[in-house]
């Protein structure tokens, strides 16, 4: 999810024609809005369980990122940055507690967190160069990079839903 933040800055500069300072402000807006995304879900988590919350939050983040190609004005880009910041931060904040809810033996929690963050580190390492490659191959168009970002988030939401299903089966109202 961090790759989209950096691409949004260059998108604002290249497509919306922001100044370099204004495009940097997009990142500040995302991080500022993310404060609400990290606080509000933690208030709901004791009622629902973190895994039950991360699935719709990741799906919502994917929906927000699917709207990215519709941005054509500075105000729409600012509004997008706010919504993206809220949902992205909420989904990111639910990752460690969700992994904890999947772990029966808490002595293995550190190893599992390390494994998950190793895979995420690889994704972050290749995400920006791949997005840059998509942008350069398409002659400076951000469309395929935007679709890639939204699509990978959607796949992640589906995989999280599958993980929930493996834990709970067909039970819909189970706190996990």
N, C-alpha and C. Protein backbone atom coordinates (compact mmCIF):
# COMPACT_ATOMS: atom_id res chain seq x y z
N UNK A 1 0.80 -1.19 0.00
CA UNK A 1 0.00 0.00 0.00
C UNK A 1 0.85 1.26 0.00
N UNK A 2 2.07 1.15 0.43
CA UNK A 2 2.94 2.32 0.46
C UNK A 2 3.31 2.77 -0.94
N UNK A 3 3.30 1.85 -1.91
CA UNK A 3 3.66 2.22 -3.27
C UNK A 3 2.68 3.23 -3.85
N UNK A 4 1.40 3.07 -3.55
CA UNK A 4 0.41 3.98 -4.09
C UNK A 4 0.64 5.41 -3.59
N UNK A 5 1.12 5.54 -2.35
CA UNK A 5 1.37 6.86 -1.79
C UNK A 5 2.40 7.59 -2.64
N UNK A 6 3.50 6.94 -2.96
CA UNK A 6 4.55 7.58 -3.75
C UNK A 6 4.08 7.84 -5.17
N UNK A 7 3.32 6.92 -5.74
CA UNK A 7 2.83 7.11 -7.09
C UNK A 7 1.81 8.24 -7.15
N UNK A 8 1.06 8.44 -6.08
CA UNK A 8 0.07 9.52 -6.08
C UNK A 8 0.76 10.87 -6.16
N UNK A 9 1.91 11.02 -5.51
CA UNK A 9 2.65 12.28 -5.60
C UNK A 9 3.09 12.58 -7.02
N UNK A 10 3.66 11.59 -7.69
CA UNK A 10 4.08 11.81 -9.08
C UNK A 10 2.87 11.95 -10.01
N UNK A 11 1.78 11.24 -9.71
CA UNK A 11 0.54 11.40 -10.48
C UNK A 11 0.04 12.85 -10.38
N UNK A 12 0.02 13.38 -9.17
CA UNK A 12 -0.41 14.76 -8.98
C UNK A 12 0.46 15.73 -9.76
N UNK A 13 1.74 15.48 -9.78
CA UNK A 13 2.67 16.35 -10.50
C UNK A 13 2.52 16.19 -12.01
N UNK A 14 2.46 14.95 -12.51
CA UNK A 14 2.47 14.69 -13.94
C UNK A 14 1.11 14.85 -14.62
N UNK A 15 0.04 14.45 -13.94
CA UNK A 15 -1.27 14.42 -14.58
C UNK A 15 -2.14 15.61 -14.16
N UNK A 16 -2.19 15.88 -12.86
CA UNK A 16 -3.03 16.97 -12.36
C UNK A 16 -2.28 18.31 -12.45
N UNK A 17 -0.97 18.25 -12.66
CA UNK A 17 -0.10 19.42 -12.80
C UNK A 17 0.03 20.21 -11.51
N UNK A 18 0.18 19.48 -10.41
CA UNK A 18 0.50 20.10 -9.13
C UNK A 18 1.94 20.60 -9.16
N UNK A 19 2.21 21.58 -8.34
CA UNK A 19 3.60 21.97 -8.12
C UNK A 19 4.26 20.86 -7.28
N UNK A 20 5.58 20.81 -7.27
CA UNK A 20 6.23 19.78 -6.42
C UNK A 20 5.80 19.89 -4.95
N UNK A 21 5.59 21.10 -4.46
CA UNK A 21 5.16 21.27 -3.07
C UNK A 21 3.74 20.72 -2.87
N UNK A 22 2.85 21.02 -3.81
CA UNK A 22 1.48 20.52 -3.69
C UNK A 22 1.41 19.01 -3.81
N UNK A 23 2.25 18.43 -4.66
CA UNK A 23 2.24 16.97 -4.77
C UNK A 23 2.78 16.33 -3.50
N UNK A 24 3.73 16.98 -2.85
CA UNK A 24 4.22 16.47 -1.56
C UNK A 24 3.14 16.61 -0.49
N UNK A 25 2.28 17.62 -0.61
CA UNK A 25 1.19 17.80 0.34
C UNK A 25 0.20 16.64 0.28
N UNK A 26 0.08 15.99 -0.88
CA UNK A 26 -0.81 14.83 -0.98
C UNK A 26 -0.38 13.74 -0.01
N UNK A 27 0.92 13.53 0.11
CA UNK A 27 1.42 12.52 1.04
C UNK A 27 1.13 12.92 2.48
N UNK A 28 1.26 14.22 2.77
CA UNK A 28 0.94 14.70 4.12
C UNK A 28 -0.55 14.51 4.42
N UNK A 29 -1.39 14.75 3.44
CA UNK A 29 -2.85 14.58 3.63
C UNK A 29 -3.16 13.11 3.88
N UNK A 30 -2.55 12.22 3.12
CA UNK A 30 -2.78 10.79 3.32
C UNK A 30 -2.38 10.38 4.73
N UNK A 31 -1.22 10.82 5.16
CA UNK A 31 -0.76 10.45 6.50
C UNK A 31 -1.59 11.09 7.59
N UNK A 32 -2.04 12.33 7.39
CA UNK A 32 -2.90 12.98 8.38
C UNK A 32 -4.26 12.31 8.48
N UNK A 33 -4.86 11.98 7.34
CA UNK A 33 -6.15 11.28 7.34
C UNK A 33 -6.01 9.88 7.93
N UNK A 34 -4.82 9.30 7.76
CA UNK A 34 -4.58 7.97 8.30
C UNK A 34 -4.68 7.90 9.81
N UNK A 35 -4.53 9.03 10.46
CA UNK A 35 -4.68 9.06 11.92
C UNK A 35 -6.08 8.59 12.31
N UNK A 36 -7.10 9.08 11.60
CA UNK A 36 -8.47 8.65 11.89
C UNK A 36 -8.67 7.18 11.53
N UNK A 37 -8.02 6.75 10.45
CA UNK A 37 -8.12 5.35 10.05
C UNK A 37 -7.48 4.39 11.03
N UNK A 38 -6.55 4.85 11.81
CA UNK A 38 -5.91 3.98 12.80
C UNK A 38 -6.64 4.01 14.13
N UNK A 39 -7.29 5.10 14.45
CA UNK A 39 -7.95 5.23 15.75
C UNK A 39 -9.35 4.61 15.74
N UNK A 40 -10.16 4.91 14.75
CA UNK A 40 -11.55 4.45 14.74
C UNK A 40 -11.70 2.93 14.71
N UNK A 41 -10.97 2.20 13.88
CA UNK A 41 -11.14 0.75 13.89
C UNK A 41 -10.72 0.08 15.20
N UNK A 42 -9.74 0.67 15.89
CA UNK A 42 -9.33 0.05 17.16
C UNK A 42 -10.43 0.15 18.20
N UNK A 43 -11.34 1.11 18.05
CA UNK A 43 -12.47 1.20 18.97
C UNK A 43 -13.52 0.12 18.66
N UNK A 44 -13.59 -0.29 17.42
CA UNK A 44 -14.59 -1.29 17.00
C UNK A 44 -14.07 -2.72 17.14
N UNK A 45 -12.76 -2.89 17.06
CA UNK A 45 -12.15 -4.22 17.07
C UNK A 45 -12.58 -5.11 18.23
N UNK A 46 -12.69 -4.60 19.48
CA UNK A 46 -13.12 -5.51 20.56
C UNK A 46 -14.52 -6.09 20.34
N UNK A 47 -15.35 -5.40 19.57
CA UNK A 47 -16.70 -5.90 19.30
C UNK A 47 -16.74 -6.90 18.15
N UNK A 48 -15.91 -6.67 17.14
CA UNK A 48 -16.00 -7.47 15.92
C UNK A 48 -14.89 -8.50 15.78
N UNK A 49 -13.72 -8.19 16.28
CA UNK A 49 -12.53 -8.99 16.04
C UNK A 49 -11.76 -8.39 14.88
N UNK A 50 -10.44 -8.43 14.93
CA UNK A 50 -9.64 -7.77 13.89
C UNK A 50 -9.75 -8.40 12.50
N UNK A 51 -9.86 -9.71 12.43
CA UNK A 51 -9.95 -10.35 11.12
C UNK A 51 -11.27 -10.02 10.43
N UNK A 52 -12.33 -9.91 11.22
CA UNK A 52 -13.62 -9.51 10.66
C UNK A 52 -13.59 -8.08 10.15
N UNK A 53 -12.70 -7.27 10.67
CA UNK A 53 -12.62 -5.87 10.27
C UNK A 53 -11.66 -5.65 9.12
N UNK A 54 -10.57 -6.40 9.07
CA UNK A 54 -9.57 -6.16 8.02
C UNK A 54 -10.09 -6.52 6.63
N UNK A 55 -10.97 -7.50 6.53
CA UNK A 55 -11.48 -7.91 5.22
C UNK A 55 -12.27 -6.76 4.57
N UNK A 56 -13.29 -6.19 5.22
CA UNK A 56 -13.99 -5.09 4.56
C UNK A 56 -13.14 -3.82 4.42
N UNK A 57 -12.20 -3.61 5.34
CA UNK A 57 -11.34 -2.43 5.21
C UNK A 57 -10.42 -2.54 4.01
N UNK A 58 -9.87 -3.72 3.77
CA UNK A 58 -9.01 -3.92 2.60
C UNK A 58 -9.83 -3.84 1.32
N UNK A 59 -11.02 -4.42 1.34
CA UNK A 59 -11.91 -4.33 0.19
C UNK A 59 -12.28 -2.86 -0.09
N UNK A 60 -12.57 -2.10 0.95
CA UNK A 60 -12.91 -0.68 0.79
C UNK A 60 -11.72 0.11 0.24
N UNK A 61 -10.52 -0.23 0.69
CA UNK A 61 -9.33 0.43 0.15
C UNK A 61 -9.19 0.13 -1.33
N UNK A 62 -9.46 -1.10 -1.73
CA UNK A 62 -9.40 -1.45 -3.15
C UNK A 62 -10.42 -0.65 -3.95
N UNK A 63 -11.62 -0.49 -3.42
CA UNK A 63 -12.65 0.29 -4.12
C UNK A 63 -12.20 1.73 -4.27
N UNK A 64 -11.63 2.30 -3.22
CA UNK A 64 -11.13 3.68 -3.29
C UNK A 64 -10.06 3.78 -4.36
N UNK A 65 -9.13 2.82 -4.41
CA UNK A 65 -8.04 2.88 -5.39
C UNK A 65 -8.58 2.65 -6.81
N UNK A 66 -9.66 1.88 -6.96
CA UNK A 66 -10.28 1.72 -8.28
C UNK A 66 -10.85 3.05 -8.79
N UNK A 67 -11.12 4.01 -7.92
CA UNK A 67 -11.61 5.32 -8.37
C UNK A 67 -10.48 6.26 -8.77
N UNK A 68 -9.25 5.88 -8.52
CA UNK A 68 -8.11 6.72 -8.83
C UNK A 68 -8.07 7.19 -10.29
N UNK A 69 -8.36 6.34 -11.28
CA UNK A 69 -8.33 6.82 -12.67
C UNK A 69 -9.37 7.91 -12.97
N UNK A 70 -10.32 8.11 -12.11
CA UNK A 70 -11.36 9.12 -12.34
C UNK A 70 -10.92 10.52 -11.91
N UNK A 71 -9.74 10.66 -11.33
CA UNK A 71 -9.28 11.95 -10.84
C UNK A 71 -8.78 12.81 -11.99
N UNK A 72 -9.35 14.03 -12.06
CA UNK A 72 -8.93 14.96 -13.12
C UNK A 72 -8.75 16.38 -12.61
N UNK A 73 -9.10 16.63 -11.36
CA UNK A 73 -9.00 17.99 -10.82
C UNK A 73 -8.24 17.95 -9.50
N UNK A 74 -7.69 19.07 -9.09
CA UNK A 74 -7.00 19.10 -7.80
C UNK A 74 -7.91 18.74 -6.63
N UNK A 75 -9.14 19.23 -6.61
CA UNK A 75 -10.04 18.96 -5.48
C UNK A 75 -10.37 17.47 -5.41
N UNK A 76 -10.60 16.82 -6.55
CA UNK A 76 -10.89 15.38 -6.52
C UNK A 76 -9.66 14.59 -6.04
N UNK A 77 -8.48 15.08 -6.36
CA UNK A 77 -7.26 14.41 -5.91
C UNK A 77 -7.09 14.57 -4.41
N UNK A 78 -7.41 15.73 -3.88
CA UNK A 78 -7.35 15.92 -2.43
C UNK A 78 -8.38 15.05 -1.71
N UNK A 79 -9.59 14.98 -2.24
CA UNK A 79 -10.63 14.15 -1.62
C UNK A 79 -10.22 12.68 -1.67
N UNK A 80 -9.69 12.24 -2.81
CA UNK A 80 -9.20 10.87 -2.93
C UNK A 80 -8.13 10.60 -1.87
N UNK A 81 -7.20 11.53 -1.69
CA UNK A 81 -6.11 11.37 -0.72
C UNK A 81 -6.65 11.17 0.68
N UNK A 82 -7.71 11.89 1.03
CA UNK A 82 -8.32 11.76 2.36
C UNK A 82 -8.91 10.36 2.54
N UNK A 83 -9.73 9.94 1.58
CA UNK A 83 -10.36 8.62 1.71
C UNK A 83 -9.34 7.49 1.65
N UNK A 84 -8.37 7.63 0.76
CA UNK A 84 -7.33 6.61 0.68
C UNK A 84 -6.55 6.54 1.98
N UNK A 85 -6.21 7.68 2.54
CA UNK A 85 -5.46 7.70 3.80
C UNK A 85 -6.22 7.03 4.93
N UNK A 86 -7.50 7.29 5.02
CA UNK A 86 -8.32 6.70 6.10
C UNK A 86 -8.38 5.17 5.96
N UNK A 87 -8.78 4.70 4.78
CA UNK A 87 -8.98 3.26 4.60
C UNK A 87 -7.67 2.49 4.57
N UNK A 88 -6.65 3.05 3.95
CA UNK A 88 -5.36 2.37 3.88
C UNK A 88 -4.77 2.21 5.28
N UNK A 89 -4.80 3.27 6.07
CA UNK A 89 -4.23 3.20 7.42
C UNK A 89 -5.04 2.24 8.29
N UNK A 90 -6.36 2.24 8.12
CA UNK A 90 -7.19 1.32 8.91
C UNK A 90 -6.86 -0.13 8.58
N UNK A 91 -6.71 -0.43 7.30
CA UNK A 91 -6.39 -1.81 6.91
C UNK A 91 -4.98 -2.19 7.38
N UNK A 92 -4.03 -1.28 7.24
CA UNK A 92 -2.67 -1.57 7.70
C UNK A 92 -2.62 -1.79 9.21
N UNK A 93 -3.38 -1.00 9.93
CA UNK A 93 -3.37 -1.11 11.38
C UNK A 93 -3.98 -2.39 11.89
N UNK A 94 -4.82 -3.03 11.09
CA UNK A 94 -5.47 -4.27 11.51
C UNK A 94 -4.64 -5.51 11.19
N UNK A 95 -3.54 -5.34 10.44
CA UNK A 95 -2.75 -6.52 10.05
C UNK A 95 -2.15 -7.27 11.24
N UNK A 96 -1.38 -6.64 12.12
CA UNK A 96 -0.82 -7.41 13.25
C UNK A 96 -1.87 -8.04 14.17
N UNK A 97 -2.94 -7.31 14.54
CA UNK A 97 -3.94 -7.99 15.39
C UNK A 97 -4.67 -9.12 14.67
N UNK A 98 -4.85 -8.97 13.35
CA UNK A 98 -5.51 -10.05 12.59
C UNK A 98 -4.64 -11.30 12.57
N UNK A 99 -3.35 -11.10 12.39
CA UNK A 99 -2.44 -12.23 12.43
C UNK A 99 -2.45 -12.88 13.81
N UNK A 100 -2.55 -12.05 14.83
CA UNK A 100 -2.65 -12.58 16.19
C UNK A 100 -3.90 -13.40 16.41
N UNK A 101 -5.01 -12.99 15.77
CA UNK A 101 -6.25 -13.74 15.94
C UNK A 101 -6.20 -15.08 15.20
N UNK A 102 -5.30 -15.21 14.24
CA UNK A 102 -5.14 -16.47 13.52
C UNK A 102 -4.16 -17.41 14.20
N UNK A 103 -3.40 -16.90 15.16
CA UNK A 103 -2.36 -17.67 15.82
C UNK A 103 -2.87 -18.27 17.12
N UNK A 104 -2.91 -19.59 17.18
CA UNK A 104 -3.37 -20.28 18.38
C UNK A 104 -2.27 -20.29 19.45
N UNK A 105 -1.06 -20.57 19.04
CA UNK A 105 0.08 -20.64 19.95
C UNK A 105 0.84 -19.32 19.87
N UNK A 106 0.66 -18.46 20.87
CA UNK A 106 1.26 -17.12 20.83
C UNK A 106 2.78 -17.14 20.90
N UNK A 107 3.38 -18.26 21.25
CA UNK A 107 4.85 -18.33 21.22
C UNK A 107 5.36 -18.31 19.77
N UNK A 108 4.49 -18.56 18.80
CA UNK A 108 4.87 -18.52 17.38
C UNK A 108 4.53 -17.18 16.73
N UNK A 109 4.00 -16.26 17.51
CA UNK A 109 3.56 -14.98 16.95
C UNK A 109 4.70 -14.19 16.32
N UNK A 110 5.85 -14.13 16.97
CA UNK A 110 6.98 -13.38 16.43
C UNK A 110 7.47 -13.94 15.10
N UNK A 111 7.53 -15.25 15.01
CA UNK A 111 7.97 -15.89 13.77
C UNK A 111 6.98 -15.59 12.65
N UNK A 112 5.70 -15.66 12.95
CA UNK A 112 4.68 -15.41 11.92
C UNK A 112 4.69 -13.95 11.48
N UNK A 113 4.84 -13.04 12.42
CA UNK A 113 4.95 -11.63 12.04
C UNK A 113 6.17 -11.41 11.16
N UNK A 114 7.28 -12.02 11.51
CA UNK A 114 8.49 -11.90 10.70
C UNK A 114 8.30 -12.44 9.30
N UNK A 115 7.63 -13.58 9.17
CA UNK A 115 7.38 -14.16 7.86
C UNK A 115 6.48 -13.26 7.02
N UNK A 116 5.41 -12.75 7.62
CA UNK A 116 4.47 -11.90 6.89
C UNK A 116 5.15 -10.61 6.46
N UNK A 117 5.90 -9.99 7.36
CA UNK A 117 6.54 -8.74 7.01
C UNK A 117 7.71 -8.95 6.04
N UNK A 118 8.29 -10.12 5.99
CA UNK A 118 9.30 -10.41 4.97
C UNK A 118 8.68 -10.43 3.58
N UNK A 119 7.53 -11.07 3.48
CA UNK A 119 6.82 -11.09 2.19
C UNK A 119 6.38 -9.68 1.82
N UNK A 120 5.86 -8.93 2.78
CA UNK A 120 5.46 -7.55 2.51
C UNK A 120 6.64 -6.68 2.10
N UNK A 121 7.79 -6.93 2.72
CA UNK A 121 8.99 -6.18 2.36
C UNK A 121 9.39 -6.41 0.91
N UNK A 122 9.27 -7.65 0.46
CA UNK A 122 9.57 -7.96 -0.94
C UNK A 122 8.58 -7.24 -1.87
N UNK A 123 7.31 -7.23 -1.48
CA UNK A 123 6.29 -6.55 -2.30
C UNK A 123 6.57 -5.05 -2.39
N UNK A 124 6.97 -4.44 -1.29
CA UNK A 124 7.30 -3.02 -1.30
C UNK A 124 8.55 -2.76 -2.13
N UNK A 125 9.50 -3.69 -2.06
CA UNK A 125 10.75 -3.55 -2.81
C UNK A 125 10.51 -3.55 -4.31
N UNK A 126 9.63 -4.39 -4.81
CA UNK A 126 9.41 -4.47 -6.25
C UNK A 126 8.22 -3.64 -6.73
N UNK A 127 7.37 -3.17 -5.82
CA UNK A 127 6.16 -2.46 -6.21
C UNK A 127 6.41 -1.17 -6.97
N UNK A 128 7.25 -0.31 -6.45
CA UNK A 128 7.52 0.97 -7.12
C UNK A 128 8.20 0.79 -8.47
N UNK A 129 9.25 -0.03 -8.58
CA UNK A 129 9.83 -0.21 -9.92
C UNK A 129 8.84 -0.81 -10.92
N UNK A 130 7.98 -1.73 -10.45
CA UNK A 130 7.00 -2.31 -11.36
C UNK A 130 5.99 -1.27 -11.80
N UNK A 131 5.51 -0.45 -10.87
CA UNK A 131 4.57 0.62 -11.23
C UNK A 131 5.24 1.61 -12.19
N UNK A 132 6.48 1.96 -11.92
CA UNK A 132 7.20 2.85 -12.82
C UNK A 132 7.37 2.25 -14.20
N UNK A 133 7.63 0.94 -14.25
CA UNK A 133 7.73 0.26 -15.54
C UNK A 133 6.40 0.32 -16.28
N UNK A 134 5.28 0.06 -15.58
CA UNK A 134 3.96 0.13 -16.21
C UNK A 134 3.69 1.54 -16.76
N UNK A 135 4.09 2.54 -16.00
CA UNK A 135 3.87 3.93 -16.44
C UNK A 135 4.74 4.23 -17.66
N UNK A 136 5.97 3.81 -17.65
CA UNK A 136 6.86 4.12 -18.79
C UNK A 136 6.47 3.33 -20.04
N UNK A 137 6.05 2.08 -19.88
CA UNK A 137 5.66 1.26 -21.03
C UNK A 137 4.41 1.84 -21.71
N UNK A 138 3.55 2.46 -20.94
CA UNK A 138 2.31 3.00 -21.51
C UNK A 138 2.45 4.48 -21.88
N UNK A 139 3.67 4.95 -21.99
CA UNK A 139 3.90 6.32 -22.44
C UNK A 139 3.53 7.39 -21.43
N UNK A 140 3.66 7.08 -20.16
CA UNK A 140 3.36 8.05 -19.11
C UNK A 140 1.94 7.97 -18.57
N UNK A 141 1.16 7.03 -19.06
CA UNK A 141 -0.19 6.84 -18.53
C UNK A 141 -0.13 6.07 -17.22
N UNK A 142 -0.88 6.53 -16.26
CA UNK A 142 -0.90 5.88 -14.95
C UNK A 142 -1.99 4.81 -14.84
N UNK A 143 -2.80 4.64 -15.87
CA UNK A 143 -3.97 3.77 -15.78
C UNK A 143 -3.63 2.34 -15.38
N UNK A 144 -2.66 1.71 -16.03
CA UNK A 144 -2.37 0.31 -15.72
C UNK A 144 -1.72 0.16 -14.35
N UNK A 145 -0.94 1.13 -13.93
CA UNK A 145 -0.38 1.10 -12.58
C UNK A 145 -1.49 1.24 -11.55
N UNK A 146 -2.48 2.09 -11.84
CA UNK A 146 -3.62 2.27 -10.94
C UNK A 146 -4.46 0.99 -10.86
N UNK A 147 -4.69 0.37 -11.99
CA UNK A 147 -5.46 -0.88 -12.01
C UNK A 147 -4.69 -1.98 -11.28
N UNK A 148 -3.38 -2.03 -11.48
CA UNK A 148 -2.54 -3.02 -10.78
C UNK A 148 -2.65 -2.83 -9.27
N UNK A 149 -2.55 -1.58 -8.82
CA UNK A 149 -2.62 -1.29 -7.38
C UNK A 149 -3.97 -1.72 -6.82
N UNK A 150 -5.04 -1.35 -7.49
CA UNK A 150 -6.38 -1.71 -7.00
C UNK A 150 -6.61 -3.21 -7.08
N UNK A 151 -6.14 -3.82 -8.15
CA UNK A 151 -6.32 -5.27 -8.31
C UNK A 151 -5.60 -6.07 -7.25
N UNK A 152 -4.38 -5.66 -6.92
CA UNK A 152 -3.64 -6.40 -5.88
C UNK A 152 -4.30 -6.23 -4.52
N UNK A 153 -4.85 -5.05 -4.26
CA UNK A 153 -5.60 -4.86 -3.01
C UNK A 153 -6.84 -5.74 -2.98
N UNK A 154 -7.51 -5.86 -4.11
CA UNK A 154 -8.70 -6.70 -4.18
C UNK A 154 -8.35 -8.18 -3.97
N UNK A 155 -7.26 -8.62 -4.57
CA UNK A 155 -6.80 -10.00 -4.36
C UNK A 155 -6.45 -10.20 -2.88
N UNK A 156 -5.80 -9.22 -2.27
CA UNK A 156 -5.48 -9.31 -0.85
C UNK A 156 -6.73 -9.42 0.01
N UNK A 157 -7.77 -8.65 -0.33
CA UNK A 157 -9.03 -8.73 0.43
C UNK A 157 -9.66 -10.10 0.29
N UNK A 158 -9.62 -10.66 -0.90
CA UNK A 158 -10.17 -12.00 -1.12
C UNK A 158 -9.38 -13.04 -0.32
N UNK A 159 -8.06 -12.95 -0.34
CA UNK A 159 -7.23 -13.90 0.41
C UNK A 159 -7.47 -13.78 1.92
N UNK A 160 -7.67 -12.56 2.40
CA UNK A 160 -8.01 -12.39 3.82
C UNK A 160 -9.37 -13.00 4.13
N UNK A 161 -10.31 -12.87 3.20
CA UNK A 161 -11.62 -13.50 3.37
C UNK A 161 -11.51 -15.01 3.40
N UNK A 162 -10.64 -15.55 2.56
CA UNK A 162 -10.42 -17.01 2.55
C UNK A 162 -9.79 -17.45 3.87
N UNK A 163 -8.85 -16.67 4.38
CA UNK A 163 -8.25 -17.01 5.68
C UNK A 163 -9.31 -17.02 6.77
N UNK A 164 -10.20 -16.03 6.73
CA UNK A 164 -11.29 -16.00 7.72
C UNK A 164 -12.18 -17.23 7.57
N UNK A 165 -12.47 -17.61 6.34
CA UNK A 165 -13.33 -18.76 6.10
C UNK A 165 -12.68 -20.04 6.62
N UNK A 166 -11.36 -20.17 6.45
CA UNK A 166 -10.67 -21.36 6.97
C UNK A 166 -10.76 -21.44 8.49
N UNK A 167 -10.82 -20.29 9.15
CA UNK A 167 -10.89 -20.28 10.61
C UNK A 167 -12.31 -20.52 11.09
N UNK A 168 -13.29 -19.90 10.44
CA UNK A 168 -14.67 -19.92 10.96
C UNK A 168 -15.61 -20.83 10.18
N UNK A 169 -15.23 -21.25 9.01
CA UNK A 169 -16.14 -22.03 8.18
C UNK A 169 -17.26 -21.14 7.67
N UNK A 170 -18.46 -21.69 7.65
CA UNK A 170 -19.61 -20.94 7.13
C UNK A 170 -20.28 -20.06 8.19
N UNK A 171 -19.72 -20.02 9.38
CA UNK A 171 -20.28 -19.18 10.44
C UNK A 171 -20.01 -17.72 10.12
N UNK A 172 -21.06 -16.94 10.00
CA UNK A 172 -20.92 -15.54 9.62
C UNK A 172 -20.66 -14.65 10.82
N UNK A 173 -21.32 -14.91 11.91
CA UNK A 173 -21.24 -14.03 13.09
C UNK A 173 -20.32 -14.60 14.17
N UNK A 174 -19.05 -14.75 13.82
CA UNK A 174 -18.06 -15.25 14.75
C UNK A 174 -17.01 -14.16 14.92
N UNK A 175 -16.69 -13.87 16.17
CA UNK A 175 -15.67 -12.85 16.46
C UNK A 175 -14.28 -13.47 16.27
N UNK A 176 -13.56 -12.99 15.26
CA UNK A 176 -12.21 -13.48 14.97
C UNK A 176 -11.30 -12.29 14.78
